[in-house]
Amino acid sequence: MALKLVMLGPPGAGKGTQARTFAAAMRIPHISTGDMLREAVAAGTEIGMRAKAVMEQGKLVSDEIMVGVVRERLAKSDARSGFVLDGFPRTVPQAKALDAIVAGGDPLVVVDIAVADDELVHRLTSRRVCSQCGTNAAVPAPGEPLPVRCAVCGGALTQRADDREEVIRERLRVYARDTRPLLDYYRDLPTFRAVNGAQAPEAVARDLASAVDAAIGAGAA
């Protein structure tokens, strides 16, 4: 069976980290939105050139172009044994297009990394990045002091401009408006699962693996 996993979750939920780790453990490609766009542009395909022209104008890539990029990426040989999609789909029309792309094969497994907004705000406002090597510092627990020096190189840690609370809450509002409808679209699937993302990363990883196993079993039933 080819594992076709879609990872959902709001900004700051740790979705990307979990997706990369899980894909590596399963030896299947971790395919993120950014990766797909870069690969399509680098390959010089027709859809890649269309995406490049849009991005160079500072505009958002349309659903039509994004779906074309995904279709090209999933047609590559390394995705035949499965994949982990991270950052796609973002909208219900994209989800319906993905259903059409994978139709006739093994079912999609969809896992949502669920974290409450207040926890996400804490994580992202507490996030610090090294001004020298770019490493993200570990987020302290509530009440613990924020780190000021990088544990890797000793450089000064700074806050990203988009990690201010007002910016984060706006990002979460956009997510709720545009992306949470995906949960309603997928929720009734027997292969849909939600994982508590407000745990330590190791606990989330364990729950993710268990959720995928349970979803596969349900899909095969």
N, C-alpha and C. Protein backbone atom coordinates (compact mmCIF):
# COMPACT_ATOMS: atom_id res chain seq x y z
N MET A 1 0.84 -1.20 0.00
CA MET A 1 0.00 0.00 0.00
C MET A 1 0.87 1.25 0.00
N ALA A 2 0.54 2.21 -0.88
CA ALA A 2 1.25 3.48 -0.90
C ALA A 2 0.61 4.43 0.10
N LEU A 3 1.40 4.95 1.02
CA LEU A 3 0.88 5.88 2.02
C LEU A 3 0.82 7.28 1.44
N LYS A 4 -0.37 7.81 1.32
CA LYS A 4 -0.59 9.16 0.79
C LYS A 4 -1.13 10.01 1.93
N LEU A 5 -0.24 10.75 2.57
CA LEU A 5 -0.59 11.47 3.80
C LEU A 5 -0.66 12.97 3.56
N VAL A 6 -1.75 13.57 3.97
CA VAL A 6 -1.91 15.03 3.95
C VAL A 6 -1.84 15.51 5.39
N MET A 7 -0.93 16.44 5.65
CA MET A 7 -0.76 17.00 7.00
C MET A 7 -1.40 18.38 7.04
N LEU A 8 -2.33 18.57 7.96
CA LEU A 8 -2.97 19.85 8.17
C LEU A 8 -2.59 20.40 9.54
N GLY A 9 -2.73 21.73 9.69
CA GLY A 9 -2.46 22.34 10.99
C GLY A 9 -2.21 23.82 10.84
N PRO A 10 -2.53 24.61 11.86
CA PRO A 10 -2.36 26.06 11.78
C PRO A 10 -0.90 26.47 11.88
N PRO A 11 -0.59 27.74 11.60
CA PRO A 11 0.78 28.23 11.76
C PRO A 11 1.28 28.01 13.19
N GLY A 12 2.48 27.45 13.33
CA GLY A 12 3.04 27.24 14.66
C GLY A 12 2.71 25.91 15.28
N ALA A 13 1.94 25.06 14.58
CA ALA A 13 1.53 23.78 15.15
C ALA A 13 2.65 22.74 15.09
N GLY A 14 3.71 23.02 14.34
CA GLY A 14 4.80 22.04 14.20
C GLY A 14 4.56 21.06 13.07
N LYS A 15 3.62 21.39 12.19
CA LYS A 15 3.25 20.50 11.10
C LYS A 15 4.43 20.17 10.19
N GLY A 16 5.21 21.20 9.81
CA GLY A 16 6.32 20.97 8.92
C GLY A 16 7.38 20.06 9.51
N THR A 17 7.72 20.29 10.78
CA THR A 17 8.71 19.45 11.45
C THR A 17 8.24 18.01 11.54
N GLN A 18 6.99 17.81 11.94
CA GLN A 18 6.45 16.46 12.05
C GLN A 18 6.38 15.78 10.69
N ALA A 19 6.00 16.54 9.66
CA ALA A 19 5.90 15.96 8.32
C ALA A 19 7.26 15.50 7.82
N ARG A 20 8.30 16.34 8.02
CA ARG A 20 9.66 15.96 7.58
C ARG A 20 10.14 14.71 8.32
N THR A 21 9.96 14.68 9.63
CA THR A 21 10.43 13.56 10.43
C THR A 21 9.71 12.27 10.06
N PHE A 22 8.41 12.36 9.91
CA PHE A 22 7.61 11.17 9.58
C PHE A 22 7.97 10.65 8.19
N ALA A 23 8.10 11.54 7.23
CA ALA A 23 8.44 11.12 5.87
C ALA A 23 9.80 10.43 5.83
N ALA A 24 10.77 10.98 6.57
CA ALA A 24 12.10 10.36 6.61
C ALA A 24 12.03 8.96 7.21
N ALA A 25 11.24 8.81 8.28
CA ALA A 25 11.11 7.50 8.93
C ALA A 25 10.45 6.48 8.00
N MET A 26 9.52 6.93 7.17
CA MET A 26 8.80 6.04 6.26
C MET A 26 9.50 5.89 4.91
N ARG A 27 10.56 6.69 4.70
CA ARG A 27 11.32 6.66 3.45
C ARG A 27 10.45 7.00 2.24
N ILE A 28 9.63 8.01 2.42
CA ILE A 28 8.82 8.55 1.32
C ILE A 28 9.07 10.05 1.27
N PRO A 29 8.85 10.69 0.12
CA PRO A 29 9.17 12.12 0.02
C PRO A 29 8.25 13.01 0.86
N HIS A 30 8.88 13.99 1.52
CA HIS A 30 8.15 15.07 2.18
C HIS A 30 8.03 16.17 1.15
N ILE A 31 6.81 16.49 0.75
CA ILE A 31 6.58 17.43 -0.34
C ILE A 31 5.86 18.65 0.21
N SER A 32 6.57 19.76 0.30
CA SER A 32 5.98 21.00 0.80
C SER A 32 5.62 21.90 -0.37
N THR A 33 4.76 22.87 -0.10
CA THR A 33 4.36 23.81 -1.15
C THR A 33 5.58 24.49 -1.77
N GLY A 34 6.48 24.98 -0.91
CA GLY A 34 7.68 25.65 -1.40
C GLY A 34 8.55 24.75 -2.24
N ASP A 35 8.72 23.49 -1.79
CA ASP A 35 9.53 22.53 -2.55
C ASP A 35 8.94 22.31 -3.94
N MET A 36 7.62 22.14 -3.98
CA MET A 36 6.97 21.87 -5.26
C MET A 36 7.15 23.04 -6.23
N LEU A 37 6.98 24.25 -5.74
CA LEU A 37 7.13 25.41 -6.61
C LEU A 37 8.56 25.55 -7.10
N ARG A 38 9.53 25.41 -6.18
CA ARG A 38 10.94 25.53 -6.58
C ARG A 38 11.32 24.48 -7.61
N GLU A 39 10.88 23.24 -7.40
CA GLU A 39 11.22 22.16 -8.33
C GLU A 39 10.60 22.39 -9.71
N ALA A 40 9.34 22.87 -9.72
CA ALA A 40 8.68 23.13 -11.00
C ALA A 40 9.38 24.24 -11.77
N VAL A 41 9.78 25.29 -11.05
CA VAL A 41 10.48 26.41 -11.68
C VAL A 41 11.84 25.95 -12.19
N ALA A 42 12.57 25.19 -11.36
CA ALA A 42 13.91 24.73 -11.75
C ALA A 42 13.84 23.79 -12.95
N ALA A 43 12.78 22.98 -13.04
CA ALA A 43 12.64 22.04 -14.15
C ALA A 43 12.25 22.75 -15.44
N GLY A 44 11.76 23.98 -15.33
CA GLY A 44 11.41 24.73 -16.52
C GLY A 44 10.18 24.23 -17.23
N THR A 45 9.29 23.54 -16.51
CA THR A 45 8.07 23.05 -17.13
C THR A 45 7.15 24.23 -17.43
N GLU A 46 6.15 23.97 -18.28
CA GLU A 46 5.21 25.05 -18.63
C GLU A 46 4.52 25.60 -17.38
N ILE A 47 4.05 24.71 -16.52
CA ILE A 47 3.36 25.16 -15.31
C ILE A 47 4.35 25.85 -14.36
N GLY A 48 5.61 25.39 -14.35
CA GLY A 48 6.64 26.02 -13.52
C GLY A 48 6.94 27.43 -13.97
N MET A 49 6.98 27.65 -15.27
CA MET A 49 7.23 29.00 -15.79
C MET A 49 6.06 29.93 -15.51
N ARG A 50 4.85 29.39 -15.54
CA ARG A 50 3.69 30.20 -15.18
C ARG A 50 3.75 30.60 -13.71
N ALA A 51 4.14 29.66 -12.86
CA ALA A 51 4.27 29.96 -11.43
C ALA A 51 5.36 31.00 -11.20
N LYS A 52 6.47 30.87 -11.91
CA LYS A 52 7.58 31.82 -11.75
C LYS A 52 7.14 33.23 -12.11
N ALA A 53 6.41 33.37 -13.21
CA ALA A 53 5.97 34.69 -13.64
C ALA A 53 5.07 35.34 -12.60
N VAL A 54 4.20 34.55 -11.98
CA VAL A 54 3.29 35.08 -10.95
C VAL A 54 4.08 35.49 -9.71
N MET A 55 5.01 34.61 -9.29
CA MET A 55 5.77 34.91 -8.07
C MET A 55 6.68 36.13 -8.24
N GLU A 56 7.23 36.30 -9.44
CA GLU A 56 8.11 37.45 -9.69
C GLU A 56 7.35 38.77 -9.64
N GLN A 57 6.04 38.70 -9.81
CA GLN A 57 5.21 39.89 -9.69
C GLN A 57 4.73 40.11 -8.25
N GLY A 58 5.15 39.21 -7.35
CA GLY A 58 4.76 39.34 -5.94
C GLY A 58 3.33 38.94 -5.67
N LYS A 59 2.74 38.16 -6.58
CA LYS A 59 1.35 37.74 -6.42
C LYS A 59 1.27 36.31 -5.89
N LEU A 60 0.08 35.95 -5.36
CA LEU A 60 -0.14 34.60 -4.89
C LEU A 60 -0.40 33.67 -6.08
N VAL A 61 0.15 32.47 -6.00
CA VAL A 61 -0.07 31.48 -7.05
C VAL A 61 -1.51 30.99 -6.97
N SER A 62 -2.19 30.95 -8.09
CA SER A 62 -3.60 30.56 -8.13
C SER A 62 -3.78 29.08 -7.85
N ASP A 63 -5.02 28.70 -7.52
CA ASP A 63 -5.34 27.28 -7.33
C ASP A 63 -5.01 26.49 -8.59
N GLU A 64 -5.34 27.05 -9.75
CA GLU A 64 -5.11 26.34 -11.01
C GLU A 64 -3.63 26.00 -11.20
N ILE A 65 -2.76 26.97 -10.97
CA ILE A 65 -1.32 26.73 -11.13
C ILE A 65 -0.83 25.78 -10.05
N MET A 66 -1.27 25.97 -8.81
CA MET A 66 -0.80 25.12 -7.72
C MET A 66 -1.20 23.67 -7.94
N VAL A 67 -2.41 23.45 -8.41
CA VAL A 67 -2.86 22.09 -8.70
C VAL A 67 -2.01 21.47 -9.80
N GLY A 68 -1.67 22.27 -10.82
CA GLY A 68 -0.81 21.76 -11.89
C GLY A 68 0.57 21.37 -11.38
N VAL A 69 1.13 22.18 -10.47
CA VAL A 69 2.43 21.88 -9.88
C VAL A 69 2.36 20.58 -9.08
N VAL A 70 1.29 20.42 -8.30
CA VAL A 70 1.13 19.20 -7.50
C VAL A 70 0.99 17.98 -8.40
N ARG A 71 0.20 18.11 -9.45
CA ARG A 71 0.01 16.97 -10.37
C ARG A 71 1.35 16.53 -10.97
N GLU A 72 2.18 17.51 -11.38
CA GLU A 72 3.49 17.17 -11.93
C GLU A 72 4.38 16.49 -10.89
N ARG A 73 4.35 17.02 -9.66
CA ARG A 73 5.23 16.47 -8.61
C ARG A 73 4.83 15.05 -8.22
N LEU A 74 3.53 14.81 -8.10
CA LEU A 74 3.08 13.48 -7.67
C LEU A 74 3.22 12.44 -8.77
N ALA A 75 3.44 12.89 -9.99
CA ALA A 75 3.65 11.95 -11.10
C ALA A 75 5.09 11.42 -11.14
N LYS A 76 5.98 12.00 -10.34
CA LYS A 76 7.38 11.56 -10.35
C LYS A 76 7.51 10.20 -9.67
N SER A 77 8.55 9.47 -10.07
CA SER A 77 8.69 8.08 -9.64
C SER A 77 8.85 7.94 -8.13
N ASP A 78 9.48 8.92 -7.45
CA ASP A 78 9.71 8.75 -6.02
C ASP A 78 8.43 8.85 -5.20
N ALA A 79 7.33 9.32 -5.81
CA ALA A 79 6.07 9.44 -5.09
C ALA A 79 5.18 8.23 -5.28
N ARG A 80 5.63 7.26 -6.06
CA ARG A 80 4.79 6.09 -6.32
C ARG A 80 4.56 5.24 -5.08
N SER A 81 5.54 5.22 -4.18
CA SER A 81 5.39 4.41 -2.96
C SER A 81 4.77 5.21 -1.82
N GLY A 82 4.41 6.46 -2.11
CA GLY A 82 3.76 7.28 -1.09
C GLY A 82 4.40 8.66 -0.98
N PHE A 83 3.78 9.51 -0.17
CA PHE A 83 4.28 10.87 0.02
C PHE A 83 3.61 11.48 1.24
N VAL A 84 4.22 12.55 1.75
CA VAL A 84 3.62 13.37 2.79
C VAL A 84 3.49 14.78 2.22
N LEU A 85 2.25 15.25 2.08
CA LEU A 85 1.98 16.59 1.56
C LEU A 85 1.89 17.58 2.72
N ASP A 86 2.65 18.66 2.61
CA ASP A 86 2.74 19.67 3.67
C ASP A 86 2.49 21.04 3.04
N GLY A 87 1.35 21.64 3.35
CA GLY A 87 1.04 22.94 2.77
C GLY A 87 0.09 22.88 1.59
N PHE A 88 -0.31 21.69 1.22
CA PHE A 88 -1.30 21.50 0.15
C PHE A 88 -2.14 20.29 0.51
N PRO A 89 -3.46 20.38 0.39
CA PRO A 89 -4.25 21.51 -0.07
C PRO A 89 -4.43 22.56 1.03
N ARG A 90 -4.71 23.81 0.59
CA ARG A 90 -5.01 24.90 1.52
C ARG A 90 -6.47 25.33 1.45
N THR A 91 -7.15 24.92 0.40
CA THR A 91 -8.54 25.31 0.21
C THR A 91 -9.35 24.08 -0.22
N VAL A 92 -10.66 24.17 -0.07
CA VAL A 92 -11.52 23.05 -0.48
C VAL A 92 -11.40 22.78 -1.98
N PRO A 93 -11.37 23.81 -2.86
CA PRO A 93 -11.17 23.49 -4.29
C PRO A 93 -9.87 22.74 -4.55
N GLN A 94 -8.79 23.08 -3.82
CA GLN A 94 -7.54 22.33 -3.98
C GLN A 94 -7.71 20.89 -3.50
N ALA A 95 -8.47 20.69 -2.42
CA ALA A 95 -8.70 19.34 -1.90
C ALA A 95 -9.47 18.50 -2.91
N LYS A 96 -10.46 19.09 -3.54
CA LYS A 96 -11.23 18.36 -4.55
C LYS A 96 -10.35 18.00 -5.75
N ALA A 97 -9.45 18.92 -6.12
CA ALA A 97 -8.53 18.63 -7.22
C ALA A 97 -7.57 17.50 -6.84
N LEU A 98 -7.10 17.50 -5.60
CA LEU A 98 -6.21 16.43 -5.14
C LEU A 98 -6.93 15.08 -5.18
N ASP A 99 -8.21 15.07 -4.78
CA ASP A 99 -8.98 13.82 -4.86
C ASP A 99 -8.97 13.27 -6.28
N ALA A 100 -9.12 14.17 -7.25
CA ALA A 100 -9.13 13.73 -8.65
C ALA A 100 -7.76 13.21 -9.08
N ILE A 101 -6.68 13.83 -8.59
CA ILE A 101 -5.32 13.42 -8.96
C ILE A 101 -5.02 12.01 -8.46
N VAL A 102 -5.46 11.68 -7.23
CA VAL A 102 -5.12 10.39 -6.63
C VAL A 102 -6.23 9.35 -6.80
N ALA A 103 -7.29 9.70 -7.50
CA ALA A 103 -8.43 8.79 -7.65
C ALA A 103 -8.00 7.46 -8.25
N GLY A 104 -8.58 6.38 -7.73
CA GLY A 104 -8.30 5.05 -8.25
C GLY A 104 -7.18 4.33 -7.55
N GLY A 105 -6.45 5.03 -6.66
CA GLY A 105 -5.37 4.39 -5.92
C GLY A 105 -5.73 4.22 -4.45
N ASP A 106 -4.70 4.07 -3.63
CA ASP A 106 -4.92 3.95 -2.20
C ASP A 106 -5.50 5.25 -1.65
N PRO A 107 -6.33 5.16 -0.59
CA PRO A 107 -6.99 6.37 -0.08
C PRO A 107 -6.03 7.34 0.58
N LEU A 108 -6.41 8.61 0.53
CA LEU A 108 -5.65 9.62 1.28
C LEU A 108 -5.84 9.41 2.77
N VAL A 109 -4.76 9.58 3.51
CA VAL A 109 -4.82 9.68 4.98
C VAL A 109 -4.62 11.14 5.32
N VAL A 110 -5.50 11.70 6.13
CA VAL A 110 -5.45 13.12 6.47
C VAL A 110 -5.32 13.25 7.99
N VAL A 111 -4.28 13.95 8.43
CA VAL A 111 -4.07 14.15 9.87
C VAL A 111 -3.95 15.64 10.15
N ASP A 112 -4.75 16.10 11.11
CA ASP A 112 -4.72 17.49 11.54
C ASP A 112 -3.95 17.59 12.85
N ILE A 113 -2.91 18.44 12.89
CA ILE A 113 -2.18 18.72 14.12
C ILE A 113 -2.92 19.87 14.81
N ALA A 114 -3.69 19.55 15.84
CA ALA A 114 -4.58 20.52 16.48
C ALA A 114 -3.91 21.19 17.68
N VAL A 115 -3.89 22.53 17.67
CA VAL A 115 -3.33 23.32 18.77
C VAL A 115 -4.23 24.55 18.97
N ALA A 116 -4.55 24.86 20.22
CA ALA A 116 -5.40 26.02 20.52
C ALA A 116 -4.67 27.32 20.16
N ASP A 117 -5.46 28.34 19.81
CA ASP A 117 -4.88 29.61 19.37
C ASP A 117 -3.95 30.22 20.41
N ASP A 118 -4.34 30.21 21.68
CA ASP A 118 -3.51 30.84 22.71
C ASP A 118 -2.15 30.17 22.81
N GLU A 119 -2.11 28.86 22.66
CA GLU A 119 -0.84 28.13 22.68
C GLU A 119 0.00 28.50 21.47
N LEU A 120 -0.64 28.65 20.32
CA LEU A 120 0.09 29.04 19.11
C LEU A 120 0.68 30.44 19.26
N VAL A 121 -0.09 31.35 19.83
CA VAL A 121 0.40 32.72 20.04
C VAL A 121 1.61 32.69 20.97
N HIS A 122 1.54 31.90 22.04
CA HIS A 122 2.69 31.79 22.95
C HIS A 122 3.92 31.26 22.22
N ARG A 123 3.73 30.20 21.46
CA ARG A 123 4.87 29.60 20.75
C ARG A 123 5.51 30.59 19.79
N LEU A 124 4.70 31.25 19.00
CA LEU A 124 5.25 32.09 17.94
C LEU A 124 5.80 33.41 18.46
N THR A 125 5.17 33.99 19.50
CA THR A 125 5.73 35.22 20.07
C THR A 125 7.00 34.93 20.85
N SER A 126 7.16 33.69 21.30
CA SER A 126 8.37 33.30 22.05
C SER A 126 9.48 32.79 21.14
N ARG A 127 9.17 32.61 19.87
CA ARG A 127 10.16 32.06 18.94
C ARG A 127 11.27 33.08 18.69
N ARG A 128 12.50 32.61 18.75
CA ARG A 128 13.66 33.45 18.49
C ARG A 128 14.57 32.73 17.50
N VAL A 129 15.19 33.52 16.63
CA VAL A 129 16.07 32.96 15.61
C VAL A 129 17.44 33.62 15.72
N CYS A 130 18.49 32.84 15.48
CA CYS A 130 19.85 33.36 15.60
C CYS A 130 20.14 34.31 14.45
N SER A 131 20.67 35.48 14.80
CA SER A 131 21.00 36.49 13.78
C SER A 131 22.24 36.10 12.97
N GLN A 132 22.99 35.10 13.44
CA GLN A 132 24.22 34.70 12.73
C GLN A 132 24.03 33.43 11.91
N CYS A 133 23.52 32.36 12.55
CA CYS A 133 23.44 31.08 11.84
C CYS A 133 22.02 30.71 11.42
N GLY A 134 21.02 31.45 11.88
CA GLY A 134 19.65 31.21 11.47
C GLY A 134 18.92 30.10 12.20
N THR A 135 19.56 29.51 13.22
CA THR A 135 18.93 28.43 13.98
C THR A 135 17.78 28.96 14.83
N ASN A 136 16.66 28.21 14.86
CA ASN A 136 15.56 28.55 15.75
C ASN A 136 15.86 28.03 17.15
N ALA A 137 15.73 28.90 18.15
CA ALA A 137 15.93 28.48 19.53
C ALA A 137 14.72 27.71 20.03
N ALA A 138 14.93 26.84 21.01
CA ALA A 138 13.82 26.11 21.61
C ALA A 138 12.87 27.10 22.29
N VAL A 139 11.57 26.88 22.13
CA VAL A 139 10.58 27.77 22.74
C VAL A 139 10.46 27.42 24.22
N PRO A 140 10.65 28.40 25.12
CA PRO A 140 10.56 28.11 26.54
C PRO A 140 9.13 27.83 26.97
N ALA A 141 8.98 27.10 28.07
CA ALA A 141 7.66 26.86 28.64
C ALA A 141 7.11 28.17 29.20
N PRO A 142 5.78 28.30 29.32
CA PRO A 142 5.21 29.52 29.89
C PRO A 142 5.83 29.85 31.25
N GLY A 143 6.23 31.10 31.43
CA GLY A 143 6.84 31.52 32.69
C GLY A 143 8.35 31.46 32.71
N GLU A 144 8.94 30.70 31.79
CA GLU A 144 10.39 30.61 31.71
C GLU A 144 10.94 31.79 30.91
N PRO A 145 12.17 32.25 31.22
CA PRO A 145 12.73 33.39 30.48
C PRO A 145 13.03 33.04 29.03
N LEU A 146 12.95 34.06 28.18
CA LEU A 146 13.27 33.86 26.77
C LEU A 146 14.79 33.76 26.60
N PRO A 147 15.27 32.89 25.73
CA PRO A 147 16.71 32.79 25.50
C PRO A 147 17.22 34.04 24.76
N VAL A 148 18.48 34.37 24.98
CA VAL A 148 19.06 35.55 24.32
C VAL A 148 20.25 35.19 23.43
N ARG A 149 20.82 33.99 23.63
CA ARG A 149 21.97 33.56 22.84
C ARG A 149 21.71 32.20 22.20
N CYS A 150 22.22 32.03 20.99
CA CYS A 150 22.06 30.79 20.26
C CYS A 150 22.86 29.66 20.91
N ALA A 151 22.22 28.51 21.11
CA ALA A 151 22.90 27.37 21.71
C ALA A 151 23.89 26.73 20.75
N VAL A 152 23.79 27.05 19.46
CA VAL A 152 24.68 26.45 18.46
C VAL A 152 25.95 27.26 18.27
N CYS A 153 25.79 28.59 18.06
CA CYS A 153 26.98 29.40 17.74
C CYS A 153 27.19 30.56 18.71
N GLY A 154 26.26 30.78 19.62
CA GLY A 154 26.41 31.87 20.58
C GLY A 154 25.96 33.23 20.07
N GLY A 155 25.43 33.27 18.86
CA GLY A 155 24.97 34.53 18.29
C GLY A 155 23.74 35.07 19.00
N ALA A 156 23.47 36.35 18.79
CA ALA A 156 22.31 36.99 19.41
C ALA A 156 21.02 36.48 18.76
N LEU A 157 20.02 36.21 19.60
CA LEU A 157 18.72 35.76 19.12
C LEU A 157 17.80 36.96 18.92
N THR A 158 17.05 36.94 17.84
CA THR A 158 16.14 38.04 17.53
C THR A 158 14.75 37.48 17.23
N GLN A 159 13.76 38.36 17.27
CA GLN A 159 12.39 37.98 16.94
C GLN A 159 12.09 38.35 15.49
N ARG A 160 11.47 37.43 14.76
CA ARG A 160 11.06 37.72 13.40
C ARG A 160 9.95 38.77 13.40
N ALA A 161 9.93 39.59 12.37
CA ALA A 161 8.93 40.66 12.30
C ALA A 161 7.51 40.11 12.28
N ASP A 162 7.33 38.91 11.70
CA ASP A 162 5.97 38.37 11.61
C ASP A 162 5.59 37.53 12.82
N ASP A 163 6.42 37.57 13.88
CA ASP A 163 6.12 36.84 15.11
C ASP A 163 5.58 37.76 16.21
N ARG A 164 5.16 38.96 15.84
CA ARG A 164 4.48 39.83 16.81
C ARG A 164 3.04 39.35 16.98
N GLU A 165 2.48 39.56 18.18
CA GLU A 165 1.17 38.98 18.48
C GLU A 165 0.09 39.43 17.51
N GLU A 166 0.06 40.72 17.15
CA GLU A 166 -1.01 41.18 16.27
C GLU A 166 -0.91 40.54 14.89
N VAL A 167 0.32 40.29 14.43
CA VAL A 167 0.50 39.65 13.13
C VAL A 167 0.07 38.18 13.22
N ILE A 168 0.44 37.53 14.31
CA ILE A 168 0.10 36.11 14.48
C ILE A 168 -1.41 35.92 14.54
N ARG A 169 -2.09 36.77 15.30
CA ARG A 169 -3.55 36.61 15.41
C ARG A 169 -4.23 36.85 14.07
N GLU A 170 -3.68 37.74 13.26
CA GLU A 170 -4.23 37.94 11.92
C GLU A 170 -4.00 36.71 11.05
N ARG A 171 -2.82 36.10 11.16
CA ARG A 171 -2.54 34.86 10.42
C ARG A 171 -3.50 33.75 10.82
N LEU A 172 -3.81 33.69 12.12
CA LEU A 172 -4.74 32.66 12.60
C LEU A 172 -6.16 32.94 12.12
N ARG A 173 -6.52 34.22 12.02
CA ARG A 173 -7.84 34.55 11.48
C ARG A 173 -7.94 34.14 10.01
N VAL A 174 -6.87 34.40 9.26
CA VAL A 174 -6.85 34.00 7.85
C VAL A 174 -6.93 32.48 7.73
N TYR A 175 -6.21 31.78 8.60
CA TYR A 175 -6.25 30.31 8.59
C TYR A 175 -7.67 29.82 8.86
N ALA A 176 -8.31 30.40 9.88
CA ALA A 176 -9.66 29.98 10.23
C ALA A 176 -10.63 30.21 9.07
N ARG A 177 -10.45 31.32 8.39
CA ARG A 177 -11.36 31.66 7.29
C ARG A 177 -11.13 30.79 6.06
N ASP A 178 -9.88 30.59 5.69
CA ASP A 178 -9.56 29.97 4.41
C ASP A 178 -9.27 28.47 4.49
N THR A 179 -8.66 28.03 5.59
CA THR A 179 -8.15 26.66 5.64
C THR A 179 -8.96 25.74 6.54
N ARG A 180 -9.53 26.25 7.62
CA ARG A 180 -10.30 25.36 8.49
C ARG A 180 -11.48 24.69 7.79
N PRO A 181 -12.07 25.30 6.77
CA PRO A 181 -13.11 24.56 6.02
C PRO A 181 -12.63 23.22 5.49
N LEU A 182 -11.31 23.06 5.32
CA LEU A 182 -10.77 21.76 4.92
C LEU A 182 -11.10 20.68 5.94
N LEU A 183 -11.09 21.06 7.23
CA LEU A 183 -11.42 20.08 8.27
C LEU A 183 -12.85 19.58 8.10
N ASP A 184 -13.76 20.49 7.76
CA ASP A 184 -15.14 20.07 7.53
C ASP A 184 -15.23 19.17 6.30
N TYR A 185 -14.40 19.45 5.30
CA TYR A 185 -14.40 18.65 4.08
C TYR A 185 -13.90 17.23 4.36
N TYR A 186 -12.85 17.11 5.19
CA TYR A 186 -12.21 15.82 5.41
C TYR A 186 -12.75 15.06 6.62
N ARG A 187 -13.45 15.74 7.52
CA ARG A 187 -13.73 15.17 8.84
C ARG A 187 -14.46 13.83 8.80
N ASP A 188 -15.34 13.64 7.84
CA ASP A 188 -16.13 12.41 7.80
C ASP A 188 -15.44 11.25 7.09
N LEU A 189 -14.24 11.49 6.59
CA LEU A 189 -13.50 10.39 5.98
C LEU A 189 -13.09 9.37 7.04
N PRO A 190 -13.17 8.07 6.75
CA PRO A 190 -12.68 7.08 7.72
C PRO A 190 -11.17 7.18 7.94
N THR A 191 -10.46 7.83 7.01
CA THR A 191 -9.00 7.95 7.11
C THR A 191 -8.57 9.31 7.66
N PHE A 192 -9.50 10.06 8.24
CA PHE A 192 -9.16 11.35 8.88
C PHE A 192 -8.90 11.12 10.37
N ARG A 193 -7.84 11.77 10.88
CA ARG A 193 -7.52 11.72 12.30
C ARG A 193 -7.02 13.09 12.75
N ALA A 194 -7.22 13.40 14.04
CA ALA A 194 -6.67 14.62 14.64
C ALA A 194 -5.70 14.20 15.75
N VAL A 195 -4.61 14.94 15.85
CA VAL A 195 -3.57 14.67 16.86
C VAL A 195 -3.39 15.92 17.71
N ASN A 196 -3.26 15.73 19.02
CA ASN A 196 -3.03 16.84 19.93
C ASN A 196 -1.62 17.37 19.74
N GLY A 197 -1.50 18.56 19.14
CA GLY A 197 -0.18 19.14 18.89
C GLY A 197 0.37 19.95 20.04
N ALA A 198 -0.38 20.06 21.15
CA ALA A 198 0.09 20.85 22.30
C ALA A 198 0.89 19.99 23.26
N GLN A 199 1.57 18.99 22.75
CA GLN A 199 2.43 18.12 23.55
C GLN A 199 3.88 18.33 23.14
N ALA A 200 4.78 17.65 23.85
CA ALA A 200 6.18 17.65 23.43
C ALA A 200 6.28 17.03 22.04
N PRO A 201 7.22 17.50 21.22
CA PRO A 201 7.33 16.97 19.84
C PRO A 201 7.41 15.45 19.77
N GLU A 202 8.10 14.83 20.73
CA GLU A 202 8.22 13.37 20.71
C GLU A 202 6.87 12.70 20.91
N ALA A 203 6.04 13.28 21.79
CA ALA A 203 4.70 12.72 22.02
C ALA A 203 3.81 12.92 20.80
N VAL A 204 3.94 14.07 20.15
CA VAL A 204 3.16 14.32 18.93
C VAL A 204 3.56 13.30 17.86
N ALA A 205 4.85 13.05 17.73
CA ALA A 205 5.34 12.09 16.73
C ALA A 205 4.78 10.69 16.99
N ARG A 206 4.73 10.28 18.26
CA ARG A 206 4.18 8.96 18.58
C ARG A 206 2.70 8.90 18.24
N ASP A 207 1.96 9.95 18.61
CA ASP A 207 0.53 9.98 18.33
C ASP A 207 0.26 10.03 16.83
N LEU A 208 1.12 10.75 16.10
CA LEU A 208 0.97 10.82 14.65
C LEU A 208 1.12 9.44 14.02
N ALA A 209 2.15 8.70 14.44
CA ALA A 209 2.37 7.36 13.89
C ALA A 209 1.18 6.44 14.19
N SER A 210 0.66 6.55 15.42
CA SER A 210 -0.49 5.72 15.80
C SER A 210 -1.73 6.11 14.99
N ALA A 211 -1.91 7.42 14.80
CA ALA A 211 -3.07 7.90 14.04
C ALA A 211 -3.02 7.42 12.59
N VAL A 212 -1.83 7.46 12.00
CA VAL A 212 -1.70 7.00 10.61
C VAL A 212 -1.99 5.51 10.51
N ASP A 213 -1.47 4.72 11.45
CA ASP A 213 -1.74 3.29 11.45
C ASP A 213 -3.24 3.00 11.55
N ALA A 214 -3.92 3.74 12.46
CA ALA A 214 -5.36 3.54 12.64
C ALA A 214 -6.12 3.95 11.39
N ALA A 215 -5.70 5.04 10.75
CA ALA A 215 -6.38 5.51 9.54
C ALA A 215 -6.21 4.52 8.39
N ILE A 216 -5.00 3.96 8.27
CA ILE A 216 -4.74 2.96 7.22
C ILE A 216 -5.65 1.76 7.42
N GLY A 217 -5.76 1.31 8.68
CA GLY A 217 -6.64 0.18 8.99
C GLY A 217 -8.09 0.47 8.64
N ALA A 218 -8.53 1.69 8.94
CA ALA A 218 -9.91 2.07 8.62
C ALA A 218 -10.13 2.16 7.13
N GLY A 219 -9.11 2.63 6.40
CA GLY A 219 -9.24 2.76 4.96
C GLY A 219 -9.27 1.42 4.25
N ALA A 220 -8.63 0.43 4.87
CA ALA A 220 -8.58 -0.90 4.25
C ALA A 220 -9.79 -1.74 4.62
N ALA A 221 -10.56 -1.28 5.62
CA ALA A 221 -11.70 -2.06 6.09
C ALA A 221 -12.83 -2.10 5.05
